[in-house]
Amino acid sequence: MEQEYETIDLREIFLIIKKNLLLIVAVTILASVAGFLVSAFLLTPEYEASASLIVNSREDQSTQTTITNDQLTSATKLVDTYSVILTSDTVLDKTIETLGLDLDYEELLEKVTVEAVNATQVMRISVRDADPVLAQNIVANIVEQAPEIIIQTVKAGSVEVISQAKAADEPVSPKKMANTAISGILGLVAALGVVFLRSVLNNRFMTDDDINKRLGLTVLGVIPQVDIKE
C-alpha cells in the first residue's frame, strides 16, 4: 500500500505567507524588541582587559643575531604550555590572594583566556569582568607572575611583555545589535513554523479545490450562499 503525502506548492506557500503576513511581521518585531531589551537592561555589561607577551624558546638569545624557523616553531608550541601554566591554580590562587578577590579558582578561571595571536609566538592574556578596572588588575597580576613562574616550571624559554594590561573603554558583551538580529530571526522562524504547521493540520475544506485535492473527487456543483432577508 503506497502512502500518500500531502504536498504544498510554491503558490500555496506564497498565499499562506501573504495571508498571515501581519502575524509574521508582528512576531518578528516583538522578538527583536525583546532581544534588544534583554541585552540592554537585563544582561550585565562585561569589559575586557588584555596584555600581550612574546614567547622565546630560549632564555638567553643575546648572542644570536637571527632566529631560525625551528626556534619560531618551538616558541609557538610553547604558547600552549604557557597557557596551561598561567591558568593553573598556582597562578590564579595567588592572584585571588594578592587582589583580595571574592572568587574561587573556578570562578576566576572562567574569566581568564590565554591564547596565541594568529598562531604566532605572541601570547595574549585576556580577562572579562563587569568592572573594567578589576579586569585590568587581574591581567596585570598574571603578567607580573608570568616570567618567574614560567622559568621555574618549564626550565627553558621565557616571555617578555610587549603590551601592558589595558581595559577596553566599551563593553564587549552583550552585543546588542547581534542579539537583536538573532532574536528577530528566531521570531521569524517561529512565526513561519506556527503558520505552516497550522496550515498543514487544518483539515477543513475551504474551497472546491480542497475537495478535489484531498479526496480526489470532482465537484459537480457549488451551492451559493444566499442571505435571506425577512
C-alpha atoms as a PDB file:
ATOM      1  CA  MET A   1       0.000   0.000   0.000  1.00  0.00           C
ATOM      2  CA  GLU A   2       1.522   3.293  -1.059  1.00  0.00           C
ATOM      3  CA  GLN A   3       1.497   6.065   1.479  1.00  0.00           C
ATOM      4  CA  GLU A   4       0.229   9.385   0.175  1.00  0.00           C
ATOM      5  CA  TYR A   5       1.971  12.552   1.140  1.00  0.00           C
ATOM      6  CA  GLU A   6       0.370  15.956   1.092  1.00  0.00           C
ATOM      7  CA  THR A   7       2.434  18.480  -0.810  1.00  0.00           C
ATOM      8  CA  ILE A   8       2.351  22.245  -0.833  1.00  0.00           C
ATOM      9  CA  ASP A   9       3.420  24.070  -3.984  1.00  0.00           C
ATOM     10  CA  LEU A  10       5.158  27.439  -4.087  1.00  0.00           C
ATOM     11  CA  ARG A  11       1.933  29.251  -4.873  1.00  0.00           C
ATOM     12  CA  GLU A  12       0.307  27.853  -1.744  1.00  0.00           C
ATOM     13  CA  ILE A  13       3.338  28.808   0.334  1.00  0.00           C
ATOM     14  CA  PHE A  14       3.154  32.341  -1.002  1.00  0.00           C
ATOM     15  CA  LEU A  15      -0.580  32.557  -0.271  1.00  0.00           C
ATOM     16  CA  ILE A  16      -0.100  31.224   3.267  1.00  0.00           C
ATOM     17  CA  ILE A  17       2.620  33.794   3.960  1.00  0.00           C
ATOM     18  CA  LYS A  18       0.558  36.586   2.414  1.00  0.00           C
ATOM     19  CA  LYS A  19      -2.494  35.641   4.443  1.00  0.00           C
ATOM     20  CA  ASN A  20      -0.515  35.621   7.707  1.00  0.00           C
ATOM     21  CA  LEU A  21       1.942  38.379   6.834  1.00  0.00           C
ATOM     22  CA  LEU A  22       0.759  40.698   9.602  1.00  0.00           C
ATOM     23  CA  LEU A  23       1.210  37.995  12.230  1.00  0.00           C
ATOM     24  CA  ILE A  24       4.663  37.064  10.932  1.00  0.00           C
ATOM     25  CA  VAL A  25       5.860  40.671  10.887  1.00  0.00           C
ATOM     26  CA  ALA A  26       4.415  41.357  14.350  1.00  0.00           C
ATOM     27  CA  VAL A  27       6.095  38.322  15.923  1.00  0.00           C
ATOM     28  CA  THR A  28       9.424  39.171  14.270  1.00  0.00           C
ATOM     29  CA  ILE A  29       9.320  42.760  15.540  1.00  0.00           C
ATOM     30  CA  LEU A  30       8.292  41.707  19.048  1.00  0.00           C
ATOM     31  CA  ALA A  31      11.093  39.132  19.210  1.00  0.00           C
ATOM     32  CA  SER A  32      13.638  41.721  18.037  1.00  0.00           C
ATOM     33  CA  VAL A  33      12.461  44.258  20.615  1.00  0.00           C
ATOM     34  CA  ALA A  34      12.571  41.596  23.329  1.00  0.00           C
ATOM     35  CA  GLY A  35      16.143  40.662  22.370  1.00  0.00           C
ATOM     36  CA  PHE A  36      17.214  44.302  22.486  1.00  0.00           C
ATOM     37  CA  LEU A  37      15.539  44.972  25.841  1.00  0.00           C
ATOM     38  CA  VAL A  38      17.086  41.878  27.410  1.00  0.00           C
ATOM     39  CA  SER A  39      20.531  42.853  26.132  1.00  0.00           C
ATOM     40  CA  ALA A  40      20.165  46.475  27.213  1.00  0.00           C
ATOM     41  CA  PHE A  41      18.589  46.096  30.643  1.00  0.00           C
ATOM     42  CA  LEU A  42      18.844  42.524  31.929  1.00  0.00           C
ATOM     43  CA  LEU A  43      22.323  41.379  30.906  1.00  0.00           C
ATOM     44  CA  THR A  44      25.294  42.783  32.808  1.00  0.00           C
ATOM     45  CA  PRO A  45      27.845  44.515  30.531  1.00  0.00           C
ATOM     46  CA  GLU A  46      31.298  42.940  30.558  1.00  0.00           C
ATOM     47  CA  TYR A  47      34.578  44.678  29.796  1.00  0.00           C
ATOM     48  CA  GLU A  48      37.731  43.034  28.543  1.00  0.00           C
ATOM     49  CA  ALA A  49      41.284  43.825  29.558  1.00  0.00           C
ATOM     50  CA  SER A  50      44.270  42.237  27.864  1.00  0.00           C
ATOM     51  CA  ALA A  51      48.041  42.215  27.648  1.00  0.00           C
ATOM     52  CA  SER A  52      50.417  40.681  25.115  1.00  0.00           C
ATOM     53  CA  LEU A  53      53.641  38.771  25.693  1.00  0.00           C
ATOM     54  CA  ILE A  54      56.157  37.292  23.285  1.00  0.00           C
ATOM     55  CA  VAL A  55      57.385  33.753  23.847  1.00  0.00           C
ATOM     56  CA  ASN A  56      61.051  32.846  23.350  1.00  0.00           C
ATOM     57  CA  SER A  57      62.258  29.286  23.007  1.00  0.00           C
ATOM     58  CA  ARG A  58      65.432  30.011  24.971  1.00  0.00           C
ATOM     59  CA  GLU A  59      66.031  32.322  27.907  1.00  0.00           C
ATOM     60  CA  ASP A  60      69.200  33.877  26.595  1.00  0.00           C
ATOM     61  CA  GLN A  61      69.293  34.803  22.927  1.00  0.00           C
ATOM     62  CA  SER A  62      71.511  37.842  23.332  1.00  0.00           C
ATOM     63  CA  THR A  63      74.331  36.247  21.352  1.00  0.00           C
ATOM     64  CA  GLN A  64      72.102  35.410  18.371  1.00  0.00           C
ATOM     65  CA  THR A  65      71.541  37.820  15.544  1.00  0.00           C
ATOM     66  CA  THR A  66      68.909  35.746  13.744  1.00  0.00           C
ATOM     67  CA  ILE A  67      66.056  33.461  14.777  1.00  0.00           C
ATOM     68  CA  THR A  68      65.574  30.223  12.899  1.00  0.00           C
ATOM     69  CA  ASN A  69      62.259  28.707  11.817  1.00  0.00           C
ATOM     70  CA  ASP A  70      62.795  25.868  14.277  1.00  0.00           C
ATOM     71  CA  GLN A  71      63.039  28.351  17.121  1.00  0.00           C
ATOM     72  CA  LEU A  72      59.862  30.109  15.991  1.00  0.00           C
ATOM     73  CA  THR A  73      58.034  26.776  15.763  1.00  0.00           C
ATOM     74  CA  SER A  74      59.285  25.779  19.190  1.00  0.00           C
ATOM     75  CA  ALA A  75      58.217  29.118  20.668  1.00  0.00           C
ATOM     76  CA  THR A  76      54.761  28.830  19.093  1.00  0.00           C
ATOM     77  CA  LYS A  77      54.284  25.380  20.604  1.00  0.00           C
ATOM     78  CA  LEU A  78      55.391  26.700  23.976  1.00  0.00           C
ATOM     79  CA  VAL A  79      52.411  29.078  23.968  1.00  0.00           C
ATOM     80  CA  ASP A  80      50.081  26.141  24.653  1.00  0.00           C
ATOM     81  CA  THR A  81      52.273  25.018  27.547  1.00  0.00           C
ATOM     82  CA  TYR A  82      52.463  28.514  28.964  1.00  0.00           C
ATOM     83  CA  SER A  83      48.689  28.862  28.680  1.00  0.00           C
ATOM     84  CA  VAL A  84      48.198  25.863  30.957  1.00  0.00           C
ATOM     85  CA  ILE A  85      50.703  27.232  33.448  1.00  0.00           C
ATOM     86  CA  LEU A  86      49.242  30.737  33.570  1.00  0.00           C
ATOM     87  CA  THR A  87      45.708  29.419  34.132  1.00  0.00           C
ATOM     88  CA  SER A  88      46.763  26.929  36.800  1.00  0.00           C
ATOM     89  CA  ASP A  89      45.657  27.228  40.415  1.00  0.00           C
ATOM     90  CA  THR A  90      49.235  28.145  41.365  1.00  0.00           C
ATOM     91  CA  VAL A  91      48.964  31.419  39.450  1.00  0.00           C
ATOM     92  CA  LEU A  92      45.265  32.230  39.805  1.00  0.00           C
ATOM     93  CA  ASP A  93      45.101  31.421  43.527  1.00  0.00           C
ATOM     94  CA  LYS A  94      47.970  33.836  44.086  1.00  0.00           C
ATOM     95  CA  THR A  95      46.090  36.468  42.048  1.00  0.00           C
ATOM     96  CA  ILE A  96      42.999  35.938  44.194  1.00  0.00           C
ATOM     97  CA  GLU A  97      45.073  36.320  47.361  1.00  0.00           C
ATOM     98  CA  THR A  98      47.031  39.351  46.147  1.00  0.00           C
ATOM     99  CA  LEU A  99      43.989  41.284  44.919  1.00  0.00           C
ATOM    100  CA  GLY A 100      41.678  40.065  47.689  1.00  0.00           C
ATOM    101  CA  LEU A 101      39.114  38.767  45.206  1.00  0.00           C
ATOM    102  CA  ASP A 102      35.817  37.315  46.387  1.00  0.00           C
ATOM    103  CA  LEU A 103      36.197  34.471  43.893  1.00  0.00           C
ATOM    104  CA  ASP A 104      37.372  30.884  43.944  1.00  0.00           C
ATOM    105  CA  TYR A 105      39.725  29.349  41.385  1.00  0.00           C
ATOM    106  CA  GLU A 106      36.990  28.002  39.094  1.00  0.00           C
ATOM    107  CA  GLU A 107      35.162  31.343  39.001  1.00  0.00           C
ATOM    108  CA  LEU A 108      38.321  33.255  38.120  1.00  0.00           C
ATOM    109  CA  LEU A 109      39.324  30.654  35.525  1.00  0.00           C
ATOM    110  CA  GLU A 110      36.078  31.318  33.624  1.00  0.00           C
ATOM    111  CA  LYS A 111      37.091  34.956  33.256  1.00  0.00           C
ATOM    112  CA  VAL A 112      40.645  34.313  32.003  1.00  0.00           C
ATOM    113  CA  THR A 113      41.671  33.431  28.437  1.00  0.00           C
ATOM    114  CA  VAL A 114      45.237  32.763  27.300  1.00  0.00           C
ATOM    115  CA  GLU A 115      45.743  32.233  23.572  1.00  0.00           C
ATOM    116  CA  ALA A 116      48.213  32.582  20.741  1.00  0.00           C
ATOM    117  CA  VAL A 117      47.738  35.554  18.417  1.00  0.00           C
ATOM    118  CA  ASN A 118      47.227  34.279  14.856  1.00  0.00           C
ATOM    119  CA  ALA A 119      49.323  31.145  15.509  1.00  0.00           C
ATOM    120  CA  THR A 120      52.428  33.240  16.267  1.00  0.00           C
ATOM    121  CA  GLN A 121      54.766  33.310  19.243  1.00  0.00           C
ATOM    122  CA  VAL A 122      52.790  36.249  20.639  1.00  0.00           C
ATOM    123  CA  MET A 123      50.524  35.288  23.530  1.00  0.00           C
ATOM    124  CA  ARG A 124      47.564  37.340  24.708  1.00  0.00           C
ATOM    125  CA  ILE A 125      46.120  37.181  28.209  1.00  0.00           C
ATOM    126  CA  SER A 126      42.535  38.450  28.436  1.00  0.00           C
ATOM    127  CA  VAL A 127      40.119  38.839  31.327  1.00  0.00           C
ATOM    128  CA  ARG A 128      36.415  39.707  31.189  1.00  0.00           C
ATOM    129  CA  ASP A 129      34.579  41.264  34.099  1.00  0.00           C
ATOM    130  CA  ALA A 130      31.784  43.719  34.820  1.00  0.00           C
ATOM    131  CA  ASP A 131      34.408  46.022  36.387  1.00  0.00           C
ATOM    132  CA  PRO A 132      36.986  47.144  33.781  1.00  0.00           C
ATOM    133  CA  VAL A 133      39.462  48.246  36.465  1.00  0.00           C
ATOM    134  CA  LEU A 134      39.288  44.855  38.166  1.00  0.00           C
ATOM    135  CA  ALA A 135      39.756  43.074  34.839  1.00  0.00           C
ATOM    136  CA  GLN A 136      42.848  45.187  34.168  1.00  0.00           C
ATOM    137  CA  ASN A 137      44.257  44.485  37.635  1.00  0.00           C
ATOM    138  CA  ILE A 138      43.788  40.732  37.199  1.00  0.00           C
ATOM    139  CA  VAL A 139      45.612  40.766  33.849  1.00  0.00           C
ATOM    140  CA  ALA A 140      48.411  42.912  35.299  1.00  0.00           C
ATOM    141  CA  ASN A 141      48.895  40.493  38.188  1.00  0.00           C
ATOM    142  CA  ILE A 142      49.043  37.438  35.909  1.00  0.00           C
ATOM    143  CA  VAL A 143      51.527  39.217  33.632  1.00  0.00           C
ATOM    144  CA  GLU A 144      53.637  40.122  36.653  1.00  0.00           C
ATOM    145  CA  GLN A 145      53.812  36.477  37.691  1.00  0.00           C
ATOM    146  CA  ALA A 146      54.371  35.114  34.177  1.00  0.00           C
ATOM    147  CA  PRO A 147      58.169  35.390  33.702  1.00  0.00           C
ATOM    148  CA  GLU A 148      59.120  33.922  37.082  1.00  0.00           C
ATOM    149  CA  ILE A 149      56.550  31.112  37.159  1.00  0.00           C
ATOM    150  CA  ILE A 150      57.385  30.043  33.591  1.00  0.00           C
ATOM    151  CA  ILE A 151      61.133  29.902  34.249  1.00  0.00           C
ATOM    152  CA  GLN A 152      60.567  27.933  37.463  1.00  0.00           C
ATOM    153  CA  THR A 153      58.182  25.470  35.820  1.00  0.00           C
ATOM    154  CA  VAL A 154      59.487  24.956  32.286  1.00  0.00           C
ATOM    155  CA  LYS A 155      63.229  25.476  32.940  1.00  0.00           C
ATOM    156  CA  ALA A 156      63.531  26.679  29.349  1.00  0.00           C
ATOM    157  CA  GLY A 157      62.305  29.614  27.334  1.00  0.00           C
ATOM    158  CA  SER A 158      60.992  32.922  28.562  1.00  0.00           C
ATOM    159  CA  VAL A 159      58.329  35.555  27.976  1.00  0.00           C
ATOM    160  CA  GLU A 160      58.606  39.299  27.595  1.00  0.00           C
ATOM    161  CA  VAL A 161      55.794  41.799  27.887  1.00  0.00           C
ATOM    162  CA  ILE A 162      55.132  43.702  24.666  1.00  0.00           C
ATOM    163  CA  SER A 163      51.941  45.487  25.755  1.00  0.00           C
ATOM    164  CA  GLN A 164      50.838  46.187  29.293  1.00  0.00           C
ATOM    165  CA  ALA A 165      47.395  45.376  30.689  1.00  0.00           C
ATOM    166  CA  LYS A 166      44.739  47.722  29.349  1.00  0.00           C
ATOM    167  CA  ALA A 167      40.962  47.644  29.592  1.00  0.00           C
ATOM    168  CA  ALA A 168      38.648  48.466  26.700  1.00  0.00           C
ATOM    169  CA  ASP A 169      36.538  51.613  27.001  1.00  0.00           C
ATOM    170  CA  GLU A 170      33.429  49.917  25.623  1.00  0.00           C
ATOM    171  CA  PRO A 171      31.869  46.654  26.878  1.00  0.00           C
ATOM    172  CA  VAL A 172      32.494  43.593  24.730  1.00  0.00           C
ATOM    173  CA  SER A 173      29.228  41.960  25.765  1.00  0.00           C
ATOM    174  CA  PRO A 174      26.339  41.794  25.447  1.00  0.00           C
ATOM    175  CA  LYS A 175      26.324  42.620  21.743  1.00  0.00           C
ATOM    176  CA  LYS A 176      23.003  44.416  21.473  1.00  0.00           C
ATOM    177  CA  MET A 177      22.699  44.573  17.684  1.00  0.00           C
ATOM    178  CA  ALA A 178      23.729  40.946  17.219  1.00  0.00           C
ATOM    179  CA  ASN A 179      21.312  39.765  19.907  1.00  0.00           C
ATOM    180  CA  THR A 180      18.539  41.876  18.384  1.00  0.00           C
ATOM    181  CA  ALA A 181      19.149  40.393  14.931  1.00  0.00           C
ATOM    182  CA  ILE A 182      19.307  36.823  16.269  1.00  0.00           C
ATOM    183  CA  SER A 183      16.115  37.316  18.265  1.00  0.00           C
ATOM    184  CA  GLY A 184      14.368  38.697  15.174  1.00  0.00           C
ATOM    185  CA  ILE A 185      15.459  35.721  13.074  1.00  0.00           C
ATOM    186  CA  LEU A 186      14.307  33.275  15.736  1.00  0.00           C
ATOM    187  CA  GLY A 187      10.973  35.090  15.945  1.00  0.00           C
ATOM    188  CA  LEU A 188      10.581  34.942  12.162  1.00  0.00           C
ATOM    189  CA  VAL A 189      11.375  31.217  12.078  1.00  0.00           C
ATOM    190  CA  ALA A 190       8.986  30.523  14.955  1.00  0.00           C
ATOM    191  CA  ALA A 191       6.187  32.522  13.306  1.00  0.00           C
ATOM    192  CA  LEU A 192       6.645  30.757   9.962  1.00  0.00           C
ATOM    193  CA  GLY A 193       6.741  27.395  11.702  1.00  0.00           C
ATOM    194  CA  VAL A 194       3.470  28.032  13.539  1.00  0.00           C
ATOM    195  CA  VAL A 195       1.781  29.374  10.410  1.00  0.00           C
ATOM    196  CA  PHE A 196       2.756  26.407   8.228  1.00  0.00           C
ATOM    197  CA  LEU A 197       2.027  23.875  10.973  1.00  0.00           C
ATOM    198  CA  ARG A 198      -1.419  25.344  11.465  1.00  0.00           C
ATOM    199  CA  SER A 199      -1.997  25.192   7.723  1.00  0.00           C
ATOM    200  CA  VAL A 200      -0.897  21.557   7.453  1.00  0.00           C
ATOM    201  CA  LEU A 201      -3.027  20.477  10.407  1.00  0.00           C
ATOM    202  CA  ASN A 202      -6.101  22.263   9.075  1.00  0.00           C
ATOM    203  CA  ASN A 203      -8.398  19.519   7.727  1.00  0.00           C
ATOM    204  CA  ARG A 204     -11.338  21.749   6.837  1.00  0.00           C
ATOM    205  CA  PHE A 205     -12.459  22.071   3.229  1.00  0.00           C
ATOM    206  CA  MET A 206     -12.342  25.747   2.364  1.00  0.00           C
ATOM    207  CA  THR A 207     -12.789  25.538  -1.424  1.00  0.00           C
ATOM    208  CA  ASP A 208     -13.838  23.006  -4.065  1.00  0.00           C
ATOM    209  CA  ASP A 209     -10.140  22.651  -4.959  1.00  0.00           C
ATOM    210  CA  ASP A 210      -9.518  21.248  -1.470  1.00  0.00           C
ATOM    211  CA  ILE A 211     -12.092  18.507  -2.079  1.00  0.00           C
ATOM    212  CA  ASN A 212     -10.525  17.564  -5.398  1.00  0.00           C
ATOM    213  CA  LYS A 213      -7.017  17.611  -3.992  1.00  0.00           C
ATOM    214  CA  ARG A 214      -7.608  15.682  -0.774  1.00  0.00           C
ATOM    215  CA  LEU A 215     -10.395  13.289  -1.751  1.00  0.00           C
ATOM    216  CA  GLY A 216      -9.814  13.005  -5.488  1.00  0.00           C
ATOM    217  CA  LEU A 217     -13.484  13.798  -6.175  1.00  0.00           C
ATOM    218  CA  THR A 218     -14.807  16.113  -8.814  1.00  0.00           C
ATOM    219  CA  VAL A 219     -17.173  18.802  -7.610  1.00  0.00           C
ATOM    220  CA  LEU A 220     -20.304  18.719  -9.747  1.00  0.00           C
ATOM    221  CA  GLY A 221     -21.778  21.927  -8.430  1.00  0.00           C
ATOM    222  CA  VAL A 222     -21.498  24.556  -5.764  1.00  0.00           C
ATOM    223  CA  ILE A 223     -24.476  25.854  -3.822  1.00  0.00           C
ATOM    224  CA  PRO A 224     -24.029  29.585  -3.393  1.00  0.00           C
ATOM    225  CA  GLN A 225     -24.655  31.158  -0.031  1.00  0.00           C
ATOM    226  CA  VAL A 226     -27.815  33.252  -0.135  1.00  0.00           C
ATOM    227  CA  ASP A 227     -28.669  35.792   2.502  1.00  0.00           C
ATOM    228  CA  ILE A 228     -32.425  35.695   3.116  1.00  0.00           C
ATOM    229  CA  LYS A 229     -33.821  38.984   4.221  1.00  0.00           C
ATOM    230  CA  GLU A 230     -37.083  38.889   6.078  1.00  0.00           C
END
